[in-house]
C-alpha atoms as a PDB file:
ATOM      1  CA  UNK A   1     124.198 107.872 220.223  1.00  0.00           C
ATOM      2  CA  UNK A   2     120.961 109.712 221.060  1.00  0.00           C
ATOM      3  CA  UNK A   3     121.306 112.775 223.319  1.00  0.00           C
ATOM      4  CA  UNK A   4     118.496 111.247 225.398  1.00  0.00           C
ATOM      5  CA  UNK A   5     121.007 108.549 226.365  1.00  0.00           C
ATOM      6  CA  UNK A   6     124.635 109.269 227.304  1.00  0.00           C
ATOM      7  CA  UNK A   7     127.400 106.680 227.582  1.00  0.00           C
ATOM      8  CA  UNK A   8     130.860 106.526 229.117  1.00  0.00           C
ATOM      9  CA  UNK A   9     133.402 103.864 230.090  1.00  0.00           C
ATOM     10  CA  UNK A  10     135.331 104.079 233.356  1.00  0.00           C
ATOM     11  CA  UNK A  11     137.522 101.422 234.998  1.00  0.00           C
ATOM     12  CA  UNK A  12     135.975  98.624 232.960  1.00  0.00           C
ATOM     13  CA  UNK A  13     132.443  99.878 233.652  1.00  0.00           C
ATOM     14  CA  UNK A  14     130.061 100.976 230.928  1.00  0.00           C
ATOM     15  CA  UNK A  15     127.888 103.840 232.194  1.00  0.00           C
ATOM     16  CA  UNK A  16     124.496 104.535 230.609  1.00  0.00           C
ATOM     17  CA  UNK A  17     122.695 107.726 231.655  1.00  0.00           C
ATOM     18  CA  UNK A  18     119.049 108.370 230.789  1.00  0.00           C
ATOM     19  CA  UNK A  19     119.075 112.049 229.876  1.00  0.00           C
ATOM     20  CA  UNK A  20     115.706 113.824 229.785  1.00  0.00           C
ATOM     21  CA  UNK A  21     115.970 115.594 233.144  1.00  0.00           C
ATOM     22  CA  UNK A  22     113.276 118.138 232.220  1.00  0.00           C
ATOM     23  CA  UNK A  23     110.799 115.203 232.101  1.00  0.00           C
ATOM     24  CA  UNK A  24     112.411 113.225 234.934  1.00  0.00           C
ATOM     25  CA  UNK A  25     113.835 110.938 232.244  1.00  0.00           C
ATOM     26  CA  UNK A  26     110.407 109.839 231.050  1.00  0.00           C
ATOM     27  CA  UNK A  27     110.681 107.344 228.224  1.00  0.00           C
ATOM     28  CA  UNK A  28     110.167 108.295 224.597  1.00  0.00           C
ATOM     29  CA  UNK A  29     111.086 106.601 221.328  1.00  0.00           C
ATOM     30  CA  UNK A  30     114.518 108.224 221.086  1.00  0.00           C
ATOM     31  CA  UNK A  31     115.436 107.236 224.643  1.00  0.00           C
ATOM     32  CA  UNK A  32     114.318 103.631 224.179  1.00  0.00           C
ATOM     33  CA  UNK A  33     116.247 103.348 220.925  1.00  0.00           C
ATOM     34  CA  UNK A  34     119.321 104.945 222.482  1.00  0.00           C
ATOM     35  CA  UNK A  35     119.157 102.647 225.508  1.00  0.00           C
ATOM     36  CA  UNK A  36     118.849  99.552 223.312  1.00  0.00           C
ATOM     37  CA  UNK A  37     121.809 100.699 221.203  1.00  0.00           C
ATOM     38  CA  UNK A  38     123.935 101.423 224.286  1.00  0.00           C
ATOM     39  CA  UNK A  39     123.213  98.006 225.767  1.00  0.00           C
ATOM     40  CA  UNK A  40     124.191  96.256 222.542  1.00  0.00           C
ATOM     41  CA  UNK A  41     127.396  98.289 222.268  1.00  0.00           C
ATOM     42  CA  UNK A  42     128.473  97.407 225.815  1.00  0.00           C
ATOM     43  CA  UNK A  43     127.457  93.754 225.417  1.00  0.00           C
ATOM     44  CA  UNK A  44     130.031  93.319 222.646  1.00  0.00           C
ATOM     45  CA  UNK A  45     132.764  95.586 224.078  1.00  0.00           C
ATOM     46  CA  UNK A  46     135.332  93.377 225.823  1.00  0.00           C
ATOM     47  CA  UNK A  47     136.750  96.385 227.692  1.00  0.00           C
ATOM     48  CA  UNK A  48     133.434  96.552 229.591  1.00  0.00           C
ATOM     49  CA  UNK A  49     132.957  94.006 232.364  1.00  0.00           C
ATOM     50  CA  UNK A  50     129.853  95.480 234.007  1.00  0.00           C
ATOM     51  CA  UNK A  51     127.291  98.203 233.335  1.00  0.00           C
ATOM     52  CA  UNK A  52     125.793 100.981 235.463  1.00  0.00           C
ATOM     53  CA  UNK A  53     122.400 102.364 234.447  1.00  0.00           C
ATOM     54  CA  UNK A  54     121.457 105.722 235.970  1.00  0.00           C
ATOM     55  CA  UNK A  55     119.466 108.880 235.284  1.00  0.00           C
ATOM     56  CA  UNK A  56     120.326 112.565 234.969  1.00  0.00           C
ATOM     57  CA  UNK A  57     118.893 115.406 237.016  1.00  0.00           C
ATOM     58  CA  UNK A  58     117.987 113.616 240.236  1.00  0.00           C
ATOM     59  CA  UNK A  59     115.618 110.965 238.847  1.00  0.00           C
ATOM     60  CA  UNK A  60     116.220 107.505 237.451  1.00  0.00           C
ATOM     61  CA  UNK A  61     113.177 107.215 235.185  1.00  0.00           C
ATOM     62  CA  UNK A  62     109.615 108.322 235.898  1.00  0.00           C
ATOM     63  CA  UNK A  63     108.177 105.860 233.376  1.00  0.00           C
ATOM     64  CA  UNK A  64     106.169 106.624 230.276  1.00  0.00           C
ATOM     65  CA  UNK A  65     105.831 110.229 229.172  1.00  0.00           C
ATOM     66  CA  UNK A  66     102.381 110.941 230.621  1.00  0.00           C
ATOM     67  CA  UNK A  67     102.562 114.580 229.537  1.00  0.00           C
ATOM     68  CA  UNK A  68     103.191 113.308 226.023  1.00  0.00           C
ATOM     69  CA  UNK A  69     100.207 110.949 226.360  1.00  0.00           C
ATOM     70  CA  UNK A  70      98.011 113.909 227.302  1.00  0.00           C
ATOM     71  CA  UNK A  71      99.186 115.884 224.296  1.00  0.00           C
ATOM     72  CA  UNK A  72      98.329 113.046 221.900  1.00  0.00           C
ATOM     73  CA  UNK A  73      94.996 112.029 223.411  1.00  0.00           C
ATOM     74  CA  UNK A  74      96.180 109.178 225.629  1.00  0.00           C
ATOM     75  CA  UNK A  75      98.642 106.311 225.424  1.00  0.00           C
ATOM     76  CA  UNK A  76      96.799 105.004 222.362  1.00  0.00           C
ATOM     77  CA  UNK A  77      96.824 108.354 220.596  1.00  0.00           C
ATOM     78  CA  UNK A  78      93.042 108.668 220.771  1.00  0.00           C
ATOM     79  CA  UNK A  79      92.397 105.385 218.920  1.00  0.00           C
ATOM     80  CA  UNK A  80      89.346 103.243 219.733  1.00  0.00           C
ATOM     81  CA  UNK A  81      90.945  99.906 218.789  1.00  0.00           C
ATOM     82  CA  UNK A  82      94.295  98.302 219.518  1.00  0.00           C
ATOM     83  CA  UNK A  83      96.826  98.966 216.777  1.00  0.00           C
ATOM     84  CA  UNK A  84      98.581  95.600 216.420  1.00  0.00           C
ATOM     85  CA  UNK A  85     101.543  97.128 214.611  1.00  0.00           C
ATOM     86  CA  UNK A  86     102.033  99.685 217.376  1.00  0.00           C
ATOM     87  CA  UNK A  87     101.662  96.969 220.026  1.00  0.00           C
ATOM     88  CA  UNK A  88     104.352  94.854 218.360  1.00  0.00           C
ATOM     89  CA  UNK A  89     106.668  97.858 218.090  1.00  0.00           C
ATOM     90  CA  UNK A  90     106.181  98.578 221.797  1.00  0.00           C
ATOM     91  CA  UNK A  91     106.809  94.927 222.652  1.00  0.00           C
ATOM     92  CA  UNK A  92     110.073  95.043 220.705  1.00  0.00           C
ATOM     93  CA  UNK A  93     111.083  98.199 222.600  1.00  0.00           C
ATOM     94  CA  UNK A  94     110.434  96.397 225.887  1.00  0.00           C
ATOM     95  CA  UNK A  95     112.365  93.313 224.817  1.00  0.00           C
ATOM     96  CA  UNK A  96     115.417  95.348 223.773  1.00  0.00           C
ATOM     97  CA  UNK A  97     115.459  97.330 227.033  1.00  0.00           C
ATOM     98  CA  UNK A  98     113.899  95.601 230.060  1.00  0.00           C
ATOM     99  CA  UNK A  99     114.321  92.167 228.507  1.00  0.00           C
ATOM    100  CA  UNK A 100     117.890  92.863 227.448  1.00  0.00           C
ATOM    101  CA  UNK A 101     118.865  94.239 230.867  1.00  0.00           C
ATOM    102  CA  UNK A 102     117.420  91.154 232.590  1.00  0.00           C
ATOM    103  CA  UNK A 103     119.267  88.694 230.335  1.00  0.00           C
ATOM    104  CA  UNK A 104     122.369  90.856 229.781  1.00  0.00           C
ATOM    105  CA  UNK A 105     125.529  88.704 229.664  1.00  0.00           C
ATOM    106  CA  UNK A 106     127.379  91.018 232.070  1.00  0.00           C
ATOM    107  CA  UNK A 107     126.296  92.312 235.503  1.00  0.00           C
ATOM    108  CA  UNK A 108     124.060  95.400 235.442  1.00  0.00           C
ATOM    109  CA  UNK A 109     123.852  97.782 238.426  1.00  0.00           C
ATOM    110  CA  UNK A 110     121.033 100.347 238.555  1.00  0.00           C
ATOM    111  CA  UNK A 111     121.793 103.613 240.366  1.00  0.00           C
ATOM    112  CA  UNK A 112     118.492 105.111 241.545  1.00  0.00           C
ATOM    113  CA  UNK A 113     118.998 108.762 242.554  1.00  0.00           C
ATOM    114  CA  UNK A 114     115.280 109.534 242.611  1.00  0.00           C
ATOM    115  CA  UNK A 115     112.065 108.199 241.124  1.00  0.00           C
ATOM    116  CA  UNK A 116     111.931 104.801 239.478  1.00  0.00           C
ATOM    117  CA  UNK A 117     108.302 104.474 238.529  1.00  0.00           C
ATOM    118  CA  UNK A 118     106.059 102.794 235.986  1.00  0.00           C
ATOM    119  CA  UNK A 119     108.043 101.559 233.009  1.00  0.00           C
ATOM    120  CA  UNK A 120     111.148 103.022 234.658  1.00  0.00           C
ATOM    121  CA  UNK A 121     110.638 100.549 237.484  1.00  0.00           C
ATOM    122  CA  UNK A 122     110.777  97.791 234.885  1.00  0.00           C
ATOM    123  CA  UNK A 123     114.209  98.953 233.736  1.00  0.00           C
ATOM    124  CA  UNK A 124     115.503  99.137 237.317  1.00  0.00           C
ATOM    125  CA  UNK A 125     113.990  95.876 238.537  1.00  0.00           C
ATOM    126  CA  UNK A 126     115.513  94.019 235.575  1.00  0.00           C
ATOM    127  CA  UNK A 127     119.028  94.948 236.755  1.00  0.00           C
ATOM    128  CA  UNK A 128     121.104  92.536 238.825  1.00  0.00           C
ATOM    129  CA  UNK A 129     121.701  95.014 241.662  1.00  0.00           C
ATOM    130  CA  UNK A 130     120.027  98.288 242.635  1.00  0.00           C
ATOM    131  CA  UNK A 131     121.613 101.081 244.675  1.00  0.00           C
ATOM    132  CA  UNK A 132     119.390 103.724 246.279  1.00  0.00           C
ATOM    133  CA  UNK A 133     119.571 106.717 248.602  1.00  0.00           C
ATOM    134  CA  UNK A 134     117.292 108.604 250.949  1.00  0.00           C
ATOM    135  CA  UNK A 135     115.872 110.359 247.863  1.00  0.00           C
ATOM    136  CA  UNK A 136     114.968 107.180 245.992  1.00  0.00           C
ATOM    137  CA  UNK A 137     111.220 106.783 245.351  1.00  0.00           C
ATOM    138  CA  UNK A 138     109.449 103.732 243.899  1.00  0.00           C
ATOM    139  CA  UNK A 139     105.895 103.558 242.588  1.00  0.00           C
ATOM    140  CA  UNK A 140     104.227 101.409 239.956  1.00  0.00           C
ATOM    141  CA  UNK A 141     101.874 104.309 239.065  1.00  0.00           C
ATOM    142  CA  UNK A 142     100.076 102.464 236.240  1.00  0.00           C
ATOM    143  CA  UNK A 143      96.699 102.247 237.994  1.00  0.00           C
ATOM    144  CA  UNK A 144      96.872 105.963 238.811  1.00  0.00           C
ATOM    145  CA  UNK A 145      96.745 106.829 235.099  1.00  0.00           C
ATOM    146  CA  UNK A 146      94.306 104.084 234.102  1.00  0.00           C
ATOM    147  CA  UNK A 147      96.825 101.691 232.539  1.00  0.00           C
ATOM    148  CA  UNK A 148      97.433  97.978 233.041  1.00  0.00           C
ATOM    149  CA  UNK A 149     101.217  98.175 233.123  1.00  0.00           C
ATOM    150  CA  UNK A 150     104.054  97.095 230.869  1.00  0.00           C
ATOM    151  CA  UNK A 151     107.854  96.705 230.690  1.00  0.00           C
ATOM    152  CA  UNK A 152     107.627  93.494 232.716  1.00  0.00           C
ATOM    153  CA  UNK A 153     106.890  95.224 236.016  1.00  0.00           C
ATOM    154  CA  UNK A 154     104.292  92.681 237.228  1.00  0.00           C
ATOM    155  CA  UNK A 155     106.533  89.708 236.393  1.00  0.00           C
ATOM    156  CA  UNK A 156     109.648  91.283 237.904  1.00  0.00           C
ATOM    157  CA  UNK A 157     107.870  92.322 241.104  1.00  0.00           C
ATOM    158  CA  UNK A 158     106.434  88.837 241.455  1.00  0.00           C
ATOM    159  CA  UNK A 159     109.973  87.429 241.232  1.00  0.00           C
ATOM    160  CA  UNK A 160     111.551  89.962 243.601  1.00  0.00           C
ATOM    161  CA  UNK A 161     108.988  90.491 246.353  1.00  0.00           C
ATOM    162  CA  UNK A 162     106.436  87.703 245.832  1.00  0.00           C
ATOM    163  CA  UNK A 163     102.817  87.740 244.657  1.00  0.00           C
ATOM    164  CA  UNK A 164     101.264  89.367 247.730  1.00  0.00           C
ATOM    165  CA  UNK A 165     103.486  92.455 247.679  1.00  0.00           C
ATOM    166  CA  UNK A 166     103.400  92.605 243.879  1.00  0.00           C
ATOM    167  CA  UNK A 167      99.610  92.871 244.035  1.00  0.00           C
ATOM    168  CA  UNK A 168      99.798  95.538 246.723  1.00  0.00           C
ATOM    169  CA  UNK A 169     102.268  97.653 244.767  1.00  0.00           C
ATOM    170  CA  UNK A 170     100.379  97.323 241.469  1.00  0.00           C
ATOM    171  CA  UNK A 171      96.806  97.709 242.733  1.00  0.00           C
ATOM    172  CA  UNK A 172      97.404 100.441 245.329  1.00  0.00           C
ATOM    173  CA  UNK A 173     100.556 102.052 243.896  1.00  0.00           C
ATOM    174  CA  UNK A 174     102.027 103.233 247.213  1.00  0.00           C
ATOM    175  CA  UNK A 175     105.103 105.444 247.119  1.00  0.00           C
ATOM    176  CA  UNK A 176     108.041 103.732 248.814  1.00  0.00           C
ATOM    177  CA  UNK A 177     111.054 105.825 249.755  1.00  0.00           C
ATOM    178  CA  UNK A 178     114.674 104.784 250.148  1.00  0.00           C
ATOM    179  CA  UNK A 179     114.650 102.859 253.427  1.00  0.00           C
ATOM    180  CA  UNK A 180     111.240 101.359 252.648  1.00  0.00           C
ATOM    181  CA  UNK A 181     112.551 100.186 249.272  1.00  0.00           C
ATOM    182  CA  UNK A 182     115.497  98.556 251.006  1.00  0.00           C
ATOM    183  CA  UNK A 183     113.323  96.839 253.608  1.00  0.00           C
ATOM    184  CA  UNK A 184     110.988  95.577 250.865  1.00  0.00           C
ATOM    185  CA  UNK A 185     113.893  94.032 248.960  1.00  0.00           C
ATOM    186  CA  UNK A 186     113.541  96.349 245.971  1.00  0.00           C
ATOM    187  CA  UNK A 187     117.057  97.748 246.360  1.00  0.00           C
ATOM    188  CA  UNK A 188     120.252  96.155 247.641  1.00  0.00           C
ATOM    189  CA  UNK A 189     122.016  99.071 249.319  1.00  0.00           C
ATOM    190  CA  UNK A 190     121.253 102.553 250.661  1.00  0.00           C
ATOM    191  CA  UNK A 191     124.032 105.137 250.343  1.00  0.00           C
ATOM    192  CA  UNK A 192     124.232 108.911 250.720  1.00  0.00           C
ATOM    193  CA  UNK A 193     122.554 110.661 247.805  1.00  0.00           C
ATOM    194  CA  UNK A 194     125.674 112.682 247.028  1.00  0.00           C
ATOM    195  CA  UNK A 195     127.699 109.546 246.252  1.00  0.00           C
ATOM    196  CA  UNK A 196     125.083 107.251 244.748  1.00  0.00           C
ATOM    197  CA  UNK A 197     126.517 107.082 241.235  1.00  0.00           C
ATOM    198  CA  UNK A 198     130.069 106.755 242.550  1.00  0.00           C
ATOM    199  CA  UNK A 199     128.942 103.914 244.825  1.00  0.00           C
ATOM    200  CA  UNK A 200     127.209 102.113 241.968  1.00  0.00           C
ATOM    201  CA  UNK A 201     130.281 102.524 239.758  1.00  0.00           C
ATOM    202  CA  UNK A 202     132.525 101.205 242.551  1.00  0.00           C
ATOM    203  CA  UNK A 203     130.382  98.074 242.863  1.00  0.00           C
ATOM    204  CA  UNK A 204     130.319  97.627 239.096  1.00  0.00           C
ATOM    205  CA  UNK A 205     134.097  98.131 238.969  1.00  0.00           C
ATOM    206  CA  UNK A 206     134.504  95.376 241.551  1.00  0.00           C
ATOM    207  CA  UNK A 207     132.407  93.112 239.327  1.00  0.00           C
ATOM    208  CA  UNK A 208     134.356  94.150 236.221  1.00  0.00           C
ATOM    209  CA  UNK A 209     137.544  93.089 238.022  1.00  0.00           C
ATOM    210  CA  UNK A 210     136.113  89.680 238.941  1.00  0.00           C
ATOM    211  CA  UNK A 211     136.204  86.452 236.946  1.00  0.00           C
ATOM    212  CA  UNK A 212     134.106  86.993 233.817  1.00  0.00           C
ATOM    213  CA  UNK A 213     133.489  83.266 233.212  1.00  0.00           C
ATOM    214  CA  UNK A 214     132.353  82.804 236.818  1.00  0.00           C
ATOM    215  CA  UNK A 215     129.997  85.798 236.746  1.00  0.00           C
ATOM    216  CA  UNK A 216     128.566  84.688 233.404  1.00  0.00           C
ATOM    217  CA  UNK A 217     127.916  81.176 234.730  1.00  0.00           C
ATOM    218  CA  UNK A 218     126.361  82.513 237.938  1.00  0.00           C
ATOM    219  CA  UNK A 219     124.020  84.784 236.001  1.00  0.00           C
ATOM    220  CA  UNK A 220     122.935  81.961 233.708  1.00  0.00           C
ATOM    221  CA  UNK A 221     122.208  79.805 236.775  1.00  0.00           C
ATOM    222  CA  UNK A 222     120.079  82.593 238.220  1.00  0.00           C
ATOM    223  CA  UNK A 223     118.233  83.144 234.941  1.00  0.00           C
ATOM    224  CA  UNK A 224     117.419  79.436 234.740  1.00  0.00           C
ATOM    225  CA  UNK A 225     116.092  79.225 238.298  1.00  0.00           C
ATOM    226  CA  UNK A 226     112.493  80.494 237.807  1.00  0.00           C
ATOM    227  CA  UNK A 227     111.739  78.105 234.938  1.00  0.00           C
ATOM    228  CA  UNK A 228     113.417  74.778 235.759  1.00  0.00           C
ATOM    229  CA  UNK A 229     113.252  72.115 238.466  1.00  0.00           C
ATOM    230  CA  UNK A 230     115.982  71.731 241.073  1.00  0.00           C
ATOM    231  CA  UNK A 231     117.374  68.687 239.276  1.00  0.00           C
ATOM    232  CA  UNK A 232     117.396  70.514 235.926  1.00  0.00           C
ATOM    233  CA  UNK A 233     119.126  73.466 237.574  1.00  0.00           C
ATOM    234  CA  UNK A 234     121.810  71.216 239.035  1.00  0.00           C
ATOM    235  CA  UNK A 235     122.374  69.535 235.661  1.00  0.00           C
ATOM    236  CA  UNK A 236     123.069  72.910 234.045  1.00  0.00           C
ATOM    237  CA  UNK A 237     125.107  74.129 237.018  1.00  0.00           C
ATOM    238  CA  UNK A 238     127.486  71.187 237.052  1.00  0.00           C
ATOM    239  CA  UNK A 239     128.547  71.731 233.444  1.00  0.00           C
ATOM    240  CA  UNK A 240     128.955  75.477 233.903  1.00  0.00           C
ATOM    241  CA  UNK A 241     130.897  74.826 237.107  1.00  0.00           C
ATOM    242  CA  UNK A 242     133.178  72.360 235.330  1.00  0.00           C
ATOM    243  CA  UNK A 243     133.635  74.771 232.413  1.00  0.00           C
ATOM    244  CA  UNK A 244     134.741  77.583 234.722  1.00  0.00           C
ATOM    245  CA  UNK A 245     137.169  75.136 236.337  1.00  0.00           C
ATOM    246  CA  UNK A 246     139.014  74.891 233.017  1.00  0.00           C
ATOM    247  CA  UNK A 247     139.688  78.619 232.713  1.00  0.00           C
ATOM    248  CA  UNK A 248     142.950  80.442 233.319  1.00  0.00           C
ATOM    249  CA  UNK A 249     141.036  82.792 235.656  1.00  0.00           C
ATOM    250  CA  UNK A 250     140.171  79.872 237.944  1.00  0.00           C
ATOM    251  CA  UNK A 251     143.698  78.462 237.856  1.00  0.00           C
ATOM    252  CA  UNK A 252     145.214  81.825 238.825  1.00  0.00           C
ATOM    253  CA  UNK A 253     142.663  82.255 241.614  1.00  0.00           C
ATOM    254  CA  UNK A 254     143.432  78.812 243.069  1.00  0.00           C
ATOM    255  CA  UNK A 255     147.168  79.533 243.004  1.00  0.00           C
ATOM    256  CA  UNK A 256     146.556  82.844 244.771  1.00  0.00           C
ATOM    257  CA  UNK A 257     144.390  81.132 247.411  1.00  0.00           C
ATOM    258  CA  UNK A 258     147.120  78.608 248.221  1.00  0.00           C
ATOM    259  CA  UNK A 259     149.680  81.376 248.707  1.00  0.00           C
ATOM    260  CA  UNK A 260     147.191  83.488 250.676  1.00  0.00           C
ATOM    261  CA  UNK A 261     147.221  86.230 248.037  1.00  0.00           C
ATOM    262  CA  UNK A 262     144.249  88.133 246.667  1.00  0.00           C
ATOM    263  CA  UNK A 263     143.240  86.775 243.253  1.00  0.00           C
ATOM    264  CA  UNK A 264     143.920  89.036 240.299  1.00  0.00           C
ATOM    265  CA  UNK A 265     141.419  88.756 237.484  1.00  0.00           C
ATOM    266  CA  UNK A 266     141.440  90.537 234.145  1.00  0.00           C
ATOM    267  CA  UNK A 267     139.520  93.833 234.048  1.00  0.00           C
ATOM    268  CA  UNK A 268     136.783  93.897 231.445  1.00  0.00           C
ATOM    269  CA  UNK A 269     135.106  90.848 229.940  1.00  0.00           C
ATOM    270  CA  UNK A 270     137.630  88.064 229.427  1.00  0.00           C
ATOM    271  CA  UNK A 271     136.061  84.662 228.787  1.00  0.00           C
ATOM    272  CA  UNK A 272     139.222  82.512 228.757  1.00  0.00           C
END
């Protein structure tokens, strides 16, 4: 695994840490490759029931490496025409990171100890849940450096906060801090900065100890929602609902409910 990306497993939770603190975890090729590899490893590891994505050194991810852009003559490396091969390579990097987080089969919790900006906002906004603190800072930042934006930020913002706010955040690039992020619906919880990663891991551990078939079905229902009609959504839901009703997890949970006990699900990813 790349040193730009660190991984660990704790209590059924796969932890991915973006690790370029000297650049506020700005994205480069090695980090994107390492993140994609880590996601694939946790997707197929049945001991992992949920994933936490965080950043080292007090930031989540400041986006593209603007200092690196400056050193190479801009994002396009000084070229005067679009390099189709480079564009396709960048698209693949976005699909295997932002796209993979968004469609990941298991719940993903983003822990945002500091800045999540530009492309880094795309990674965070693609997660299922986002935990912030008083030190969390959001900005799109693309317009500030003369770029149109990538990593799905426009699409994700449109889904999360609606078209009016998405336009405001992309055109004007205001900096929103922790409480403002929470009030805008960009993050789900505000916790003390000192315990942000622990809080995110605790939430992910709760998810990892829940019914894997149920969580998988719920996520698929949510992923369908933006692209299908209500009737189409209900058609898909009813079969997923019936399928989860056949699982041992459901049967144990029903028995526990009848006896007024807390349900006990398997830790990890158990699709029985």
